[in-house]
Amino acid sequence: MTRVAATADAAGPAGTSARRLPERAVAPLRGLAGLAGLVAVIEVLPHTGLVSADYLPPASVTVRALWHLLAEQTFWTALGDTLTGWGLGLAISVVAGVAAGLAIGSVPALRAVTASTIEFLRPIPSVALIPVAVLLYGADLRSKLLLVVYAAFWQVIVQVLAGIQDVDPVADDTARSYQLGTWGRLRHVMWPTALPYVMTGVRLAATVALILAVTAELVIGAPGLGREIAVAQSSGAVPQVYALVLVTGLLGVAVNLVARAVERRALHWHQSVRTEAAG
């Protein structure tokens, strides 16, 4: 009886893994099936007459336009300009947001003084600053950086402040009782607690930074994919417009995947990441 029970217990996890493995393998296939269905709809819809091909070209036409774009140096230059504005803006936002969040969050009086200012500035849409950016820098990289940094900065600092606020008071008091200074408490108590929040802020900021980079290019005319979309639209090159929009979408997916991979790597010790890996 004991041997049978032991055998059943040993087979339990294996059976569970056997049931989970097909589900893990099927999930990506479901996503690809949904994408294939969308492509099929876009391919067929213009041929039905419900939508004019002048406004929604078939998917095959968009793919051909994308193939031609990949052979042009102008496309790669625009892609590099977009990634440059996104990367620089994100880096500035993360450094400034983490530094400001740690400084403000670790000093209760400073947090109380700045709380109303942060809540006033944070909801202001970055696109509302487009006239200011144009007046200051024109259609320049600095205009793009102004919008990107302003939008992404708040994503980071709000998460850092939330992480500092989540620090266990008992742990903080224990650190004080062991005569740990401000730097010691920041390193050994506050930072480990705030890091998951920081990584969430970075992931959100990465997506927001890309959105604002393309928006700045599209509206202001700063060099990048957004400006190429505006040029293609004004010249009536509809397939090129959809091809460039497809590129920005794929770029957004890639940014999100990379941000999640970095988050998992940085938080490999955290319970949420271990639970996700085990599941």
Protein backbone atom coordinates (compact mmCIF):
# COMPACT_ATOMS: atom_id res chain seq x y z
CA MET A 1 0.00 0.00 0.00
CA THR A 2 2.84 2.35 0.89
CA ARG A 3 4.65 1.48 -2.33
CA VAL A 4 1.53 2.25 -4.38
CA ALA A 5 1.08 5.59 -2.61
CA ALA A 6 4.72 6.48 -3.17
CA THR A 7 4.40 5.55 -6.83
CA ALA A 8 1.30 7.71 -7.16
CA ASP A 9 3.06 10.63 -5.47
CA ALA A 10 6.05 10.28 -7.75
CA ALA A 11 3.84 10.13 -10.81
CA GLY A 12 1.79 13.12 -9.69
CA PRO A 13 4.24 15.91 -10.59
CA ALA A 14 5.29 14.09 -13.73
CA GLY A 15 1.68 13.80 -14.77
CA THR A 16 1.15 17.45 -14.03
CA SER A 17 4.20 18.40 -16.11
CA ALA A 18 2.96 16.17 -18.89
CA ARG A 19 -0.34 18.00 -18.89
CA ARG A 20 1.33 21.41 -18.71
CA LEU A 21 3.86 20.81 -21.47
CA PRO A 22 1.32 20.60 -24.31
CA GLU A 23 -0.36 23.76 -23.02
CA ARG A 24 2.94 25.64 -23.11
CA ALA A 25 3.56 24.39 -26.61
CA VAL A 26 0.05 25.22 -27.80
CA ALA A 27 -0.08 28.79 -26.42
CA PRO A 28 2.37 30.27 -28.97
CA LEU A 29 0.60 28.40 -31.75
CA ARG A 30 -2.69 29.98 -30.73
CA GLY A 31 -1.09 33.41 -30.93
CA LEU A 32 0.29 32.65 -34.38
CA ALA A 33 -3.11 31.33 -35.45
CA GLY A 34 -4.75 34.57 -34.38
CA LEU A 35 -2.13 36.59 -36.28
CA ALA A 36 -2.58 34.41 -39.37
CA GLY A 37 -6.34 34.95 -39.16
CA LEU A 38 -5.88 38.72 -39.03
CA VAL A 39 -3.56 38.64 -42.04
CA ALA A 40 -6.10 36.53 -43.94
CA VAL A 41 -8.89 38.98 -43.17
CA ILE A 42 -6.80 41.95 -44.34
CA GLU A 43 -5.89 40.03 -47.49
CA VAL A 44 -9.47 39.10 -48.37
CA LEU A 45 -11.37 42.18 -47.20
CA PRO A 46 -10.26 44.56 -49.99
CA HIS A 47 -11.26 41.97 -52.61
CA THR A 48 -14.82 41.79 -51.28
CA GLY A 49 -15.56 45.42 -52.07
CA LEU A 50 -16.46 46.24 -48.47
CA VAL A 51 -13.28 48.31 -48.18
CA SER A 52 -11.50 50.04 -51.02
CA ALA A 53 -8.02 48.76 -51.75
CA ASP A 54 -6.99 52.40 -52.11
CA TYR A 55 -7.41 52.82 -48.36
CA LEU A 56 -6.72 49.28 -47.11
CA PRO A 57 -4.42 47.39 -49.46
CA PRO A 58 -4.28 43.60 -49.20
CA ALA A 59 -1.73 42.17 -46.79
CA SER A 60 0.35 40.81 -49.67
CA VAL A 61 0.70 44.32 -51.12
CA THR A 62 1.80 45.68 -47.73
CA VAL A 63 4.36 42.89 -47.37
CA ARG A 64 5.77 43.68 -50.84
CA ALA A 65 5.99 47.35 -49.91
CA LEU A 66 7.82 46.40 -46.72
CA TRP A 67 10.22 44.23 -48.70
CA HIS A 68 11.06 47.18 -50.95
CA LEU A 69 11.54 49.42 -47.90
CA LEU A 70 14.05 46.99 -46.42
CA ALA A 71 16.23 47.49 -49.49
CA GLU A 72 16.32 51.29 -49.06
CA GLN A 73 18.97 53.06 -47.02
CA THR A 74 16.44 55.76 -46.11
CA PHE A 75 14.40 53.24 -44.14
CA TRP A 76 17.34 52.04 -42.08
CA THR A 77 18.42 55.61 -41.40
CA ALA A 78 14.91 56.44 -40.17
CA LEU A 79 14.85 53.32 -38.02
CA GLY A 80 18.18 54.29 -36.49
CA ASP A 81 16.90 57.82 -35.76
CA THR A 82 13.82 56.41 -34.02
CA LEU A 83 15.86 53.97 -31.94
CA THR A 84 18.35 56.72 -31.06
CA GLY A 85 15.65 59.05 -29.77
CA TRP A 86 13.94 56.20 -27.94
CA GLY A 87 17.14 54.85 -26.36
CA LEU A 88 18.54 58.20 -25.25
CA GLY A 89 15.19 59.37 -23.91
CA LEU A 90 14.62 56.13 -22.03
CA ALA A 91 18.11 56.16 -20.52
CA ILE A 92 17.74 59.75 -19.31
CA SER A 93 14.29 59.01 -17.92
CA VAL A 94 15.39 55.91 -16.03
CA VAL A 95 18.47 57.54 -14.48
CA ALA A 96 16.61 60.72 -13.54
CA GLY A 97 13.51 58.88 -12.34
CA VAL A 98 15.39 56.40 -10.15
CA ALA A 99 17.66 59.08 -8.67
CA ALA A 100 14.80 61.50 -7.98
CA GLY A 101 12.54 58.73 -6.65
CA LEU A 102 15.12 57.42 -4.22
CA ALA A 103 16.03 60.92 -3.04
CA ILE A 104 12.43 61.99 -2.54
CA GLY A 105 11.15 58.68 -1.18
CA SER A 106 13.88 58.29 1.42
CA VAL A 107 13.15 61.70 2.97
CA PRO A 108 9.54 61.86 4.26
CA ALA A 109 9.56 65.66 4.52
CA LEU A 110 10.76 66.01 0.93
CA ARG A 111 8.11 63.60 -0.27
CA ALA A 112 5.39 65.57 1.51
CA VAL A 113 6.61 68.83 -0.04
CA THR A 114 6.82 67.45 -3.61
CA ALA A 115 3.68 65.27 -3.61
CA SER A 116 1.33 67.98 -4.90
CA THR A 117 3.82 69.10 -7.55
CA ILE A 118 4.24 65.56 -8.86
CA GLU A 119 0.50 64.96 -8.95
CA PHE A 120 0.06 68.25 -10.85
CA LEU A 121 2.75 67.66 -13.48
CA ARG A 122 2.30 63.92 -14.02
CA PRO A 123 -1.14 64.01 -15.74
CA ILE A 124 -0.07 66.65 -18.29
CA PRO A 125 -0.03 64.89 -21.70
CA SER A 126 3.36 65.02 -23.36
CA VAL A 127 1.77 65.90 -26.69
CA ALA A 128 0.63 69.15 -25.09
CA LEU A 129 4.31 70.11 -24.91
CA ILE A 130 4.77 69.81 -28.68
CA PRO A 131 4.42 73.58 -29.28
CA VAL A 132 6.95 74.23 -26.52
CA ALA A 133 9.36 71.68 -27.98
CA VAL A 134 9.05 73.22 -31.45
CA LEU A 135 9.63 76.72 -30.10
CA LEU A 136 12.70 75.62 -28.16
CA TYR A 137 14.40 73.21 -30.55
CA GLY A 138 12.44 73.03 -33.82
CA ALA A 139 12.34 69.70 -35.67
CA ASP A 140 15.42 68.45 -33.87
CA LEU A 141 16.42 65.40 -31.84
CA ARG A 142 16.19 67.55 -28.74
CA SER A 143 12.48 68.13 -29.37
CA LYS A 144 11.94 64.40 -29.49
CA LEU A 145 13.97 63.88 -26.34
CA LEU A 146 11.97 66.53 -24.49
CA LEU A 147 8.70 64.71 -25.16
CA VAL A 148 10.10 61.24 -24.56
CA VAL A 149 11.83 62.13 -21.30
CA TYR A 150 8.84 63.99 -19.94
CA ALA A 151 6.48 61.09 -20.63
CA ALA A 152 8.77 58.26 -19.52
CA PHE A 153 10.17 60.01 -16.44
CA TRP A 154 6.84 59.91 -14.61
CA GLN A 155 6.42 56.20 -15.28
CA VAL A 156 9.69 55.53 -13.46
CA ILE A 157 9.53 57.96 -10.56
CA VAL A 158 5.98 56.99 -9.58
CA GLN A 159 6.97 53.32 -9.41
CA VAL A 160 10.13 54.10 -7.43
CA LEU A 161 8.15 56.13 -4.90
CA ALA A 162 5.66 53.28 -4.57
CA GLY A 163 8.51 50.84 -3.98
CA ILE A 164 10.09 53.01 -1.30
CA GLN A 165 6.72 53.37 0.40
CA ASP A 166 6.37 49.58 0.44
CA VAL A 167 9.51 49.11 2.53
CA ASP A 168 8.79 47.13 5.70
CA PRO A 169 9.05 49.55 8.68
CA VAL A 170 10.30 46.72 10.88
CA ALA A 171 13.15 46.01 8.47
CA ASP A 172 14.00 49.70 8.29
CA ASP A 173 13.97 50.03 12.09
CA THR A 174 16.15 46.94 12.38
CA ALA A 175 18.65 48.47 9.96
CA ARG A 176 18.70 51.64 12.05
CA SER A 177 19.26 49.64 15.22
CA TYR A 178 22.30 48.05 13.59
CA GLN A 179 23.63 51.57 12.97
CA LEU A 180 23.28 51.38 9.21
CA GLY A 181 23.56 54.83 7.66
CA THR A 182 21.45 56.28 4.87
CA TRP A 183 23.50 54.58 2.17
CA GLY A 184 23.41 51.25 3.97
CA ARG A 185 19.65 51.33 4.46
CA LEU A 186 19.19 52.42 0.85
CA ARG A 187 21.34 49.58 -0.44
CA HIS A 188 20.24 46.72 1.81
CA VAL A 189 16.63 47.60 2.68
CA MET A 190 15.06 50.09 0.30
CA TRP A 191 16.60 49.04 -3.01
CA PRO A 192 15.72 45.30 -2.85
CA THR A 193 12.12 46.24 -2.02
CA ALA A 194 11.91 48.95 -4.67
CA LEU A 195 13.64 47.01 -7.47
CA PRO A 196 10.51 45.13 -8.68
CA TYR A 197 8.71 48.47 -8.86
CA VAL A 198 11.68 50.02 -10.66
CA MET A 199 11.67 47.29 -13.30
CA THR A 200 7.94 47.72 -13.81
CA GLY A 201 8.51 51.44 -14.30
CA VAL A 202 11.30 50.78 -16.79
CA ARG A 203 9.11 48.38 -18.77
CA LEU A 204 6.26 50.90 -18.91
CA ALA A 205 8.65 53.73 -19.72
CA ALA A 206 10.17 51.76 -22.61
CA THR A 207 6.79 51.45 -24.31
CA VAL A 208 5.78 55.05 -23.60
CA ALA A 209 9.14 56.31 -24.87
CA LEU A 210 8.65 54.54 -28.20
CA ILE A 211 5.13 55.93 -28.58
CA LEU A 212 6.31 59.50 -27.93
CA ALA A 213 9.33 59.11 -30.19
CA VAL A 214 7.16 58.12 -33.15
CA THR A 215 4.56 60.78 -32.26
CA ALA A 216 7.22 63.50 -32.21
CA GLU A 217 8.50 62.38 -35.59
CA LEU A 218 5.01 62.25 -37.03
CA VAL A 219 3.81 65.62 -35.72
CA ILE A 220 6.98 67.70 -35.45
CA GLY A 221 8.80 66.20 -38.39
CA ALA A 222 11.85 65.02 -36.45
CA PRO A 223 13.88 62.40 -38.32
CA GLY A 224 12.61 58.86 -37.90
CA LEU A 225 9.91 56.36 -38.84
CA GLY A 226 7.14 58.79 -37.88
CA ARG A 227 8.32 61.34 -40.41
CA GLU A 228 8.57 58.63 -43.07
CA ILE A 229 4.94 57.72 -42.35
CA ALA A 230 3.92 61.37 -42.76
CA VAL A 231 5.87 61.67 -46.04
CA ALA A 232 4.35 58.45 -47.40
CA GLN A 233 0.86 59.63 -46.44
CA SER A 234 1.28 63.05 -48.08
CA SER A 235 2.57 61.42 -51.27
CA GLY A 236 -0.32 58.96 -51.45
CA ALA A 237 1.88 55.87 -50.99
CA VAL A 238 -0.72 53.93 -49.00
CA PRO A 239 1.06 50.52 -48.98
CA GLN A 240 4.22 52.20 -47.68
CA VAL A 241 2.18 53.82 -44.90
CA TYR A 242 0.86 50.45 -43.76
CA ALA A 243 4.30 48.88 -44.10
CA LEU A 244 5.85 51.54 -41.88
CA VAL A 245 3.02 51.23 -39.36
CA LEU A 246 3.67 47.48 -39.34
CA VAL A 247 7.35 48.16 -38.60
CA THR A 248 6.48 50.42 -35.66
CA GLY A 249 4.14 47.72 -34.33
CA LEU A 250 6.82 45.05 -34.59
CA LEU A 251 9.26 47.43 -32.94
CA GLY A 252 6.84 47.89 -30.05
CA VAL A 253 6.51 44.13 -29.63
CA ALA A 254 10.29 43.75 -29.65
CA VAL A 255 10.72 46.51 -27.05
CA ASN A 256 8.16 44.87 -24.78
CA LEU A 257 9.76 41.42 -25.11
CA VAL A 258 13.23 42.79 -24.39
CA ALA A 259 11.96 44.78 -21.40
CA ARG A 260 10.25 41.70 -19.98
CA ALA A 261 13.40 39.60 -20.50
CA VAL A 262 15.51 42.20 -18.69
CA GLU A 263 12.93 42.35 -15.91
CA ARG A 264 13.00 38.58 -15.45
CA ARG A 265 16.79 38.57 -15.45
CA ALA A 266 17.06 41.37 -12.91
CA LEU A 267 14.40 39.81 -10.66
CA HIS A 268 15.44 36.16 -10.96
CA TRP A 269 15.55 36.02 -7.16
CA HIS A 270 12.04 37.46 -6.71
CA GLN A 271 9.13 35.22 -5.78
CA SER A 272 6.94 36.38 -8.66
CA VAL A 273 9.56 35.44 -11.26
CA ARG A 274 10.28 32.06 -9.62
CA THR A 275 6.57 31.30 -9.47
CA GLU A 276 6.13 32.24 -13.14
CA ALA A 277 9.08 30.06 -14.16
CA ALA A 278 7.77 27.15 -12.10
CA GLY A 279 4.29 27.51 -13.58
